[in-house]
C-alpha atoms as a PDB file:
ATOM      1  CA  UNK A   1      18.109 -11.234   0.355  1.00  0.00           C
ATOM      2  CA  UNK A   2      14.629 -11.941   1.791  1.00  0.00           C
ATOM      3  CA  UNK A   3      12.951 -15.103   1.229  1.00  0.00           C
ATOM      4  CA  UNK A   4       9.446 -14.387   2.149  1.00  0.00           C
ATOM      5  CA  UNK A   5       7.127 -11.451   2.890  1.00  0.00           C
ATOM      6  CA  UNK A   6       7.236  -8.131   1.176  1.00  0.00           C
ATOM      7  CA  UNK A   7      10.140  -8.416  -1.394  1.00  0.00           C
ATOM      8  CA  UNK A   8       9.992  -4.746  -2.783  1.00  0.00           C
ATOM      9  CA  UNK A   9      12.660  -2.908  -1.219  1.00  0.00           C
ATOM     10  CA  UNK A  10      10.720   0.464  -0.995  1.00  0.00           C
ATOM     11  CA  UNK A  11       7.721  -0.730   0.710  1.00  0.00           C
ATOM     12  CA  UNK A  12       9.842  -2.597   3.332  1.00  0.00           C
ATOM     13  CA  UNK A  13      11.692   0.314   3.999  1.00  0.00           C
ATOM     14  CA  UNK A  14       8.430   2.522   4.462  1.00  0.00           C
ATOM     15  CA  UNK A  15       6.487  -0.097   6.508  1.00  0.00           C
ATOM     16  CA  UNK A  16       9.675  -0.374   8.929  1.00  0.00           C
ATOM     17  CA  UNK A  17      10.217   3.377   9.165  1.00  0.00           C
ATOM     18  CA  UNK A  18       6.546   4.074  10.243  1.00  0.00           C
ATOM     19  CA  UNK A  19       5.324   5.013  13.655  1.00  0.00           C
ATOM     20  CA  UNK A  20       2.115   5.716  15.497  1.00  0.00           C
ATOM     21  CA  UNK A  21      -0.179   8.304  13.978  1.00  0.00           C
ATOM     22  CA  UNK A  22       1.397   8.012  10.460  1.00  0.00           C
ATOM     23  CA  UNK A  23      -0.718   6.987   7.233  1.00  0.00           C
ATOM     24  CA  UNK A  24      -0.174   4.456   4.721  1.00  0.00           C
ATOM     25  CA  UNK A  25      -1.977   5.221   1.657  1.00  0.00           C
ATOM     26  CA  UNK A  26      -3.067   2.447  -0.863  1.00  0.00           C
ATOM     27  CA  UNK A  27      -4.689   3.904  -4.136  1.00  0.00           C
ATOM     28  CA  UNK A  28      -5.114   3.477  -7.733  1.00  0.00           C
ATOM     29  CA  UNK A  29      -3.211   5.064 -10.592  1.00  0.00           C
ATOM     30  CA  UNK A  30      -5.645   8.229 -10.686  1.00  0.00           C
ATOM     31  CA  UNK A  31      -5.075   9.288  -7.057  1.00  0.00           C
ATOM     32  CA  UNK A  32      -3.110  12.499  -6.654  1.00  0.00           C
ATOM     33  CA  UNK A  33       0.251  12.074  -4.794  1.00  0.00           C
ATOM     34  CA  UNK A  34       1.821  15.024  -2.996  1.00  0.00           C
ATOM     35  CA  UNK A  35       5.369  15.707  -4.317  1.00  0.00           C
ATOM     36  CA  UNK A  36       6.808  15.595  -0.639  1.00  0.00           C
ATOM     37  CA  UNK A  37       5.238  11.933  -0.054  1.00  0.00           C
ATOM     38  CA  UNK A  38       7.058   8.517  -0.524  1.00  0.00           C
ATOM     39  CA  UNK A  39       5.610   6.931  -3.611  1.00  0.00           C
ATOM     40  CA  UNK A  40       5.904   3.281  -4.705  1.00  0.00           C
ATOM     41  CA  UNK A  41       4.480   2.407  -8.067  1.00  0.00           C
ATOM     42  CA  UNK A  42       3.422  -1.456  -8.175  1.00  0.00           C
ATOM     43  CA  UNK A  43       1.714  -1.240 -11.491  1.00  0.00           C
ATOM     44  CA  UNK A  44       2.517  -3.710 -14.088  1.00  0.00           C
ATOM     45  CA  UNK A  45      -0.547  -3.106 -16.249  1.00  0.00           C
ATOM     46  CA  UNK A  46      -4.225  -2.436 -15.601  1.00  0.00           C
ATOM     47  CA  UNK A  47      -5.424  -4.208 -12.669  1.00  0.00           C
ATOM     48  CA  UNK A  48      -2.062  -5.987 -11.821  1.00  0.00           C
ATOM     49  CA  UNK A  49      -1.493  -6.228  -9.013  1.00  0.00           C
ATOM     50  CA  UNK A  50      -5.113  -6.053  -7.636  1.00  0.00           C
ATOM     51  CA  UNK A  51      -6.326  -4.371  -4.500  1.00  0.00           C
ATOM     52  CA  UNK A  52      -6.916  -7.686  -2.584  1.00  0.00           C
ATOM     53  CA  UNK A  53      -3.583  -8.850  -3.196  1.00  0.00           C
ATOM     54  CA  UNK A  54      -1.808  -5.573  -2.399  1.00  0.00           C
ATOM     55  CA  UNK A  55      -3.672  -5.224   0.980  1.00  0.00           C
ATOM     56  CA  UNK A  56      -3.328  -8.941   2.197  1.00  0.00           C
ATOM     57  CA  UNK A  57       0.359  -8.706   1.295  1.00  0.00           C
ATOM     58  CA  UNK A  58       1.017  -5.469   3.453  1.00  0.00           C
ATOM     59  CA  UNK A  59      -1.249  -6.598   6.087  1.00  0.00           C
ATOM     60  CA  UNK A  60       1.024  -9.792   6.688  1.00  0.00           C
ATOM     61  CA  UNK A  61       3.818  -7.196   7.825  1.00  0.00           C
ATOM     62  CA  UNK A  62       2.143  -4.071   8.768  1.00  0.00           C
ATOM     63  CA  UNK A  63       0.135  -3.589  12.116  1.00  0.00           C
ATOM     64  CA  UNK A  64      -2.534  -0.706  11.415  1.00  0.00           C
ATOM     65  CA  UNK A  65      -4.132   1.215  14.255  1.00  0.00           C
ATOM     66  CA  UNK A  66      -7.062   2.244  11.972  1.00  0.00           C
ATOM     67  CA  UNK A  67      -8.196   1.350   8.431  1.00  0.00           C
ATOM     68  CA  UNK A  68     -10.306   3.693   6.195  1.00  0.00           C
ATOM     69  CA  UNK A  69     -11.788   3.035   2.820  1.00  0.00           C
ATOM     70  CA  UNK A  70     -13.163   5.571   0.400  1.00  0.00           C
ATOM     71  CA  UNK A  71     -16.993   5.339   0.190  1.00  0.00           C
ATOM     72  CA  UNK A  72     -16.918   4.161  -3.275  1.00  0.00           C
ATOM     73  CA  UNK A  73     -14.641   1.201  -2.470  1.00  0.00           C
ATOM     74  CA  UNK A  74     -17.440  -1.283  -1.830  1.00  0.00           C
ATOM     75  CA  UNK A  75     -19.258  -0.571  -5.018  1.00  0.00           C
ATOM     76  CA  UNK A  76     -16.280  -0.370  -7.303  1.00  0.00           C
ATOM     77  CA  UNK A  77     -13.731  -3.111  -6.087  1.00  0.00           C
END
């Protein structure tokens, strides 16, 4: 059992299996997810966990080549 870092088994698996040129998408509940995509639902209730918590936790273990945000992120989050 892991003591620290990302404890969610599916998120750990996805991050560990990623390679160059692949995408990791963090989105809200209304985003359309293709059926062939790995999807991990973290929701407990509205706003929990919040976006800053999710992103900062992922950032501790994930090395990104590029980060992109939707234009409306700045005004809505």
